[in-house]
């Protein structure tokens, strides 16, 4: 993958990819907001495509993301909370599996930041809250305390 950024004027930049181009208009939308939008849209596309591959349909999809950043530069993401709300013709367990498949396996952007960012999620499926503030086990990098782990006897 290759992206090229060209300064246009003021704080406007043109981003060119091998497939398209778009204007980044800072500070109307900051680069970090584009980054967060990319993370969210990556996962949202999974929530549409994974069910489609299972002959299921997702409608009314909204994914909200909220980030807490460190106060000192470079102001990295400390936490990311994603709230998924959608309707589907699948059951609640299947809906949660779609979200988990995106978070743990398919979403490249989330998997790029998950070792340094504590990631949590909430899912509302068919207007019912099915999980709230669940933590990704891998989010937060080395700060995760797994406690004592005993080895299996041989």
C-alpha atoms as a PDB file:
ATOM      1  CA  UNK A   1       0.000   0.000   0.000  1.00  0.00           C
ATOM      2  CA  UNK A   2       1.213   3.462  -0.839  1.00  0.00           C
ATOM      3  CA  UNK A   3      -0.317   6.871  -0.105  1.00  0.00           C
ATOM      4  CA  UNK A   4       1.012  10.218  -1.279  1.00  0.00           C
ATOM      5  CA  UNK A   5       0.130  13.544   0.359  1.00  0.00           C
ATOM      6  CA  UNK A   6       0.421  16.803  -1.600  1.00  0.00           C
ATOM      7  CA  UNK A   7       0.056  20.243  -0.018  1.00  0.00           C
ATOM      8  CA  UNK A   8      -2.654  22.237  -1.814  1.00  0.00           C
ATOM      9  CA  UNK A   9      -2.954  25.547   0.061  1.00  0.00           C
ATOM     10  CA  UNK A  10      -3.355  26.747   3.627  1.00  0.00           C
ATOM     11  CA  UNK A  11      -3.897  23.582   5.655  1.00  0.00           C
ATOM     12  CA  UNK A  12      -5.422  21.509   2.834  1.00  0.00           C
ATOM     13  CA  UNK A  13      -3.723  18.389   1.546  1.00  0.00           C
ATOM     14  CA  UNK A  14      -4.621  15.961  -1.216  1.00  0.00           C
ATOM     15  CA  UNK A  15      -4.201  12.294  -0.357  1.00  0.00           C
ATOM     16  CA  UNK A  16      -3.693   9.971  -3.330  1.00  0.00           C
ATOM     17  CA  UNK A  17      -3.900   6.210  -3.199  1.00  0.00           C
ATOM     18  CA  UNK A  18      -3.625   3.699  -6.022  1.00  0.00           C
ATOM     19  CA  UNK A  19      -7.436   3.740  -6.282  1.00  0.00           C
ATOM     20  CA  UNK A  20      -8.615   7.265  -5.470  1.00  0.00           C
ATOM     21  CA  UNK A  21      -7.867  10.628  -3.923  1.00  0.00           C
ATOM     22  CA  UNK A  22      -9.446  12.901  -1.313  1.00  0.00           C
ATOM     23  CA  UNK A  23      -8.834  16.239   0.363  1.00  0.00           C
ATOM     24  CA  UNK A  24      -7.727  16.455   3.989  1.00  0.00           C
ATOM     25  CA  UNK A  25      -8.859  19.831   5.299  1.00  0.00           C
ATOM     26  CA  UNK A  26      -7.068  20.607   8.559  1.00  0.00           C
ATOM     27  CA  UNK A  27      -8.147  21.777  11.087  1.00  0.00           C
ATOM     28  CA  UNK A  28     -11.766  21.268   9.933  1.00  0.00           C
ATOM     29  CA  UNK A  29     -11.055  17.574  10.363  1.00  0.00           C
ATOM     30  CA  UNK A  30      -7.709  16.829  11.978  1.00  0.00           C
ATOM     31  CA  UNK A  31      -5.463  13.968  10.851  1.00  0.00           C
ATOM     32  CA  UNK A  32      -6.143  12.171  14.152  1.00  0.00           C
ATOM     33  CA  UNK A  33      -9.896  12.383  13.453  1.00  0.00           C
ATOM     34  CA  UNK A  34      -9.284  10.887   9.993  1.00  0.00           C
ATOM     35  CA  UNK A  35      -7.260   8.170  11.715  1.00  0.00           C
ATOM     36  CA  UNK A  36     -10.090   7.411  14.155  1.00  0.00           C
ATOM     37  CA  UNK A  37     -12.619   7.471  11.294  1.00  0.00           C
ATOM     38  CA  UNK A  38     -10.422   4.964   9.442  1.00  0.00           C
ATOM     39  CA  UNK A  39     -10.359   2.667  12.472  1.00  0.00           C
ATOM     40  CA  UNK A  40     -14.137   2.853  12.843  1.00  0.00           C
ATOM     41  CA  UNK A  41     -14.897   2.400   9.144  1.00  0.00           C
ATOM     42  CA  UNK A  42     -12.526  -0.585   8.973  1.00  0.00           C
ATOM     43  CA  UNK A  43     -14.482  -2.373  11.679  1.00  0.00           C
ATOM     44  CA  UNK A  44     -17.853  -1.181  10.315  1.00  0.00           C
ATOM     45  CA  UNK A  45     -17.053  -2.688   6.911  1.00  0.00           C
ATOM     46  CA  UNK A  46     -16.348  -6.015   8.648  1.00  0.00           C
ATOM     47  CA  UNK A  47     -19.750  -5.832  10.372  1.00  0.00           C
ATOM     48  CA  UNK A  48     -21.367  -5.586   6.938  1.00  0.00           C
ATOM     49  CA  UNK A  49     -19.159  -8.100   5.069  1.00  0.00           C
ATOM     50  CA  UNK A  50     -18.845 -10.932   7.619  1.00  0.00           C
ATOM     51  CA  UNK A  51     -22.639 -11.427   7.916  1.00  0.00           C
ATOM     52  CA  UNK A  52     -23.029 -11.086   4.132  1.00  0.00           C
ATOM     53  CA  UNK A  53     -20.621 -14.017   3.704  1.00  0.00           C
ATOM     54  CA  UNK A  54     -22.943 -16.007   6.005  1.00  0.00           C
ATOM     55  CA  UNK A  55     -26.067 -15.042   4.014  1.00  0.00           C
ATOM     56  CA  UNK A  56     -27.135 -12.664   6.785  1.00  0.00           C
ATOM     57  CA  UNK A  57     -28.013  -8.985   6.528  1.00  0.00           C
ATOM     58  CA  UNK A  58     -27.035  -6.069   8.753  1.00  0.00           C
ATOM     59  CA  UNK A  59     -29.049  -2.842   8.678  1.00  0.00           C
ATOM     60  CA  UNK A  60     -29.051   0.432  10.618  1.00  0.00           C
ATOM     61  CA  UNK A  61     -25.355   0.079  11.476  1.00  0.00           C
ATOM     62  CA  UNK A  62     -23.828   2.886  13.537  1.00  0.00           C
ATOM     63  CA  UNK A  63     -20.392   2.583  15.116  1.00  0.00           C
ATOM     64  CA  UNK A  64     -19.281   5.331  17.503  1.00  0.00           C
ATOM     65  CA  UNK A  65     -15.722   5.634  18.712  1.00  0.00           C
ATOM     66  CA  UNK A  66     -14.437   7.539  21.712  1.00  0.00           C
ATOM     67  CA  UNK A  67     -10.759   7.955  22.440  1.00  0.00           C
ATOM     68  CA  UNK A  68      -8.897   9.185  25.510  1.00  0.00           C
ATOM     69  CA  UNK A  69      -5.457  10.450  24.538  1.00  0.00           C
ATOM     70  CA  UNK A  70      -2.391  11.124  26.649  1.00  0.00           C
ATOM     71  CA  UNK A  71      -1.933  14.803  27.509  1.00  0.00           C
ATOM     72  CA  UNK A  72       1.737  15.002  26.562  1.00  0.00           C
ATOM     73  CA  UNK A  73       3.039  14.793  23.013  1.00  0.00           C
ATOM     74  CA  UNK A  74       2.685  12.731  20.912  1.00  0.00           C
ATOM     75  CA  UNK A  75      -0.795  12.440  22.534  1.00  0.00           C
ATOM     76  CA  UNK A  76      -1.222   8.749  21.733  1.00  0.00           C
ATOM     77  CA  UNK A  77      -4.486   6.884  22.201  1.00  0.00           C
ATOM     78  CA  UNK A  78      -4.681   5.507  25.758  1.00  0.00           C
ATOM     79  CA  UNK A  79      -8.152   4.011  25.435  1.00  0.00           C
ATOM     80  CA  UNK A  80     -10.598   3.405  22.620  1.00  0.00           C
ATOM     81  CA  UNK A  81     -14.237   2.521  23.214  1.00  0.00           C
ATOM     82  CA  UNK A  82     -16.335   1.386  20.257  1.00  0.00           C
ATOM     83  CA  UNK A  83     -20.119   1.278  20.459  1.00  0.00           C
ATOM     84  CA  UNK A  84     -21.775  -0.889  17.814  1.00  0.00           C
ATOM     85  CA  UNK A  85     -25.489  -0.585  17.156  1.00  0.00           C
ATOM     86  CA  UNK A  86     -27.147  -2.577  14.388  1.00  0.00           C
ATOM     87  CA  UNK A  87     -30.055  -4.773  13.416  1.00  0.00           C
ATOM     88  CA  UNK A  88     -29.685  -8.141  11.716  1.00  0.00           C
ATOM     89  CA  UNK A  89     -31.407 -11.397  10.931  1.00  0.00           C
ATOM     90  CA  UNK A  90     -28.839 -13.230  13.082  1.00  0.00           C
ATOM     91  CA  UNK A  91     -29.148 -13.970  16.800  1.00  0.00           C
ATOM     92  CA  UNK A  92     -27.307 -12.082  19.560  1.00  0.00           C
ATOM     93  CA  UNK A  93     -24.505 -14.648  19.823  1.00  0.00           C
ATOM     94  CA  UNK A  94     -23.829 -14.403  16.102  1.00  0.00           C
ATOM     95  CA  UNK A  95     -23.887 -10.585  16.300  1.00  0.00           C
ATOM     96  CA  UNK A  96     -21.279 -10.649  19.071  1.00  0.00           C
ATOM     97  CA  UNK A  97     -19.148 -13.105  17.069  1.00  0.00           C
ATOM     98  CA  UNK A  98     -19.176 -10.706  14.107  1.00  0.00           C
ATOM     99  CA  UNK A  99     -17.916  -7.866  16.289  1.00  0.00           C
ATOM    100  CA  UNK A 100     -15.277 -10.074  17.920  1.00  0.00           C
ATOM    101  CA  UNK A 101     -14.099 -11.364  14.518  1.00  0.00           C
ATOM    102  CA  UNK A 102     -13.599  -7.767  13.434  1.00  0.00           C
ATOM    103  CA  UNK A 103     -11.838  -6.697  16.628  1.00  0.00           C
ATOM    104  CA  UNK A 104      -9.618  -9.730  17.144  1.00  0.00           C
ATOM    105  CA  UNK A 105      -8.895 -10.851  13.578  1.00  0.00           C
ATOM    106  CA  UNK A 106      -9.994  -8.882  10.554  1.00  0.00           C
ATOM    107  CA  UNK A 107      -9.755  -5.144  11.277  1.00  0.00           C
ATOM    108  CA  UNK A 108      -6.179  -4.205  10.395  1.00  0.00           C
ATOM    109  CA  UNK A 109      -6.393  -0.739  11.925  1.00  0.00           C
ATOM    110  CA  UNK A 110      -7.573  -1.957  15.315  1.00  0.00           C
ATOM    111  CA  UNK A 111      -4.972  -4.691  15.295  1.00  0.00           C
ATOM    112  CA  UNK A 112      -2.310  -2.075  14.525  1.00  0.00           C
ATOM    113  CA  UNK A 113      -3.024  -0.142  17.749  1.00  0.00           C
ATOM    114  CA  UNK A 114      -4.251  -2.886  20.082  1.00  0.00           C
ATOM    115  CA  UNK A 115      -0.900  -3.523  21.780  1.00  0.00           C
ATOM    116  CA  UNK A 116      -0.642   0.102  22.900  1.00  0.00           C
ATOM    117  CA  UNK A 117      -4.303   1.021  23.410  1.00  0.00           C
ATOM    118  CA  UNK A 118      -6.824  -0.443  25.850  1.00  0.00           C
ATOM    119  CA  UNK A 119      -9.853  -1.234  23.671  1.00  0.00           C
ATOM    120  CA  UNK A 120     -13.389  -1.814  24.906  1.00  0.00           C
ATOM    121  CA  UNK A 121     -16.714  -2.218  23.153  1.00  0.00           C
ATOM    122  CA  UNK A 122     -20.467  -2.158  23.629  1.00  0.00           C
ATOM    123  CA  UNK A 123     -22.972  -3.885  21.344  1.00  0.00           C
ATOM    124  CA  UNK A 124     -26.629  -3.045  20.839  1.00  0.00           C
ATOM    125  CA  UNK A 125     -28.251  -5.614  18.565  1.00  0.00           C
ATOM    126  CA  UNK A 126     -31.854  -5.373  17.358  1.00  0.00           C
ATOM    127  CA  UNK A 127     -32.409  -2.516  19.846  1.00  0.00           C
ATOM    128  CA  UNK A 128     -31.229  -4.650  22.812  1.00  0.00           C
ATOM    129  CA  UNK A 129     -27.989  -4.001  24.719  1.00  0.00           C
ATOM    130  CA  UNK A 130     -26.211  -7.375  24.537  1.00  0.00           C
ATOM    131  CA  UNK A 131     -22.854  -6.397  26.069  1.00  0.00           C
ATOM    132  CA  UNK A 132     -21.489  -3.266  27.646  1.00  0.00           C
ATOM    133  CA  UNK A 133     -17.933  -2.051  28.228  1.00  0.00           C
ATOM    134  CA  UNK A 134     -16.348  -5.410  27.407  1.00  0.00           C
ATOM    135  CA  UNK A 135     -12.548  -5.280  27.279  1.00  0.00           C
ATOM    136  CA  UNK A 136     -10.419  -6.766  24.532  1.00  0.00           C
ATOM    137  CA  UNK A 137      -8.043  -9.135  26.291  1.00  0.00           C
ATOM    138  CA  UNK A 138      -5.194  -8.013  24.044  1.00  0.00           C
ATOM    139  CA  UNK A 139      -5.771  -4.268  24.391  1.00  0.00           C
ATOM    140  CA  UNK A 140      -3.403  -2.240  26.506  1.00  0.00           C
ATOM    141  CA  UNK A 141      -0.210  -4.107  25.703  1.00  0.00           C
ATOM    142  CA  UNK A 142       1.983  -5.113  28.637  1.00  0.00           C
ATOM    143  CA  UNK A 143      -0.287  -3.414  31.194  1.00  0.00           C
ATOM    144  CA  UNK A 144      -2.589  -6.448  31.300  1.00  0.00           C
ATOM    145  CA  UNK A 145      -2.309  -8.429  34.520  1.00  0.00           C
ATOM    146  CA  UNK A 146      -3.262 -12.030  33.771  1.00  0.00           C
ATOM    147  CA  UNK A 147      -2.545 -13.093  37.337  1.00  0.00           C
ATOM    148  CA  UNK A 148      -0.872 -16.387  38.179  1.00  0.00           C
ATOM    149  CA  UNK A 149      -1.060 -18.924  35.384  1.00  0.00           C
ATOM    150  CA  UNK A 150      -0.425 -22.525  36.293  1.00  0.00           C
ATOM    151  CA  UNK A 151       1.007 -24.863  33.716  1.00  0.00           C
ATOM    152  CA  UNK A 152      -0.857 -27.973  32.671  1.00  0.00           C
ATOM    153  CA  UNK A 153       0.458 -31.197  34.190  1.00  0.00           C
ATOM    154  CA  UNK A 154       2.313 -33.397  31.717  1.00  0.00           C
END
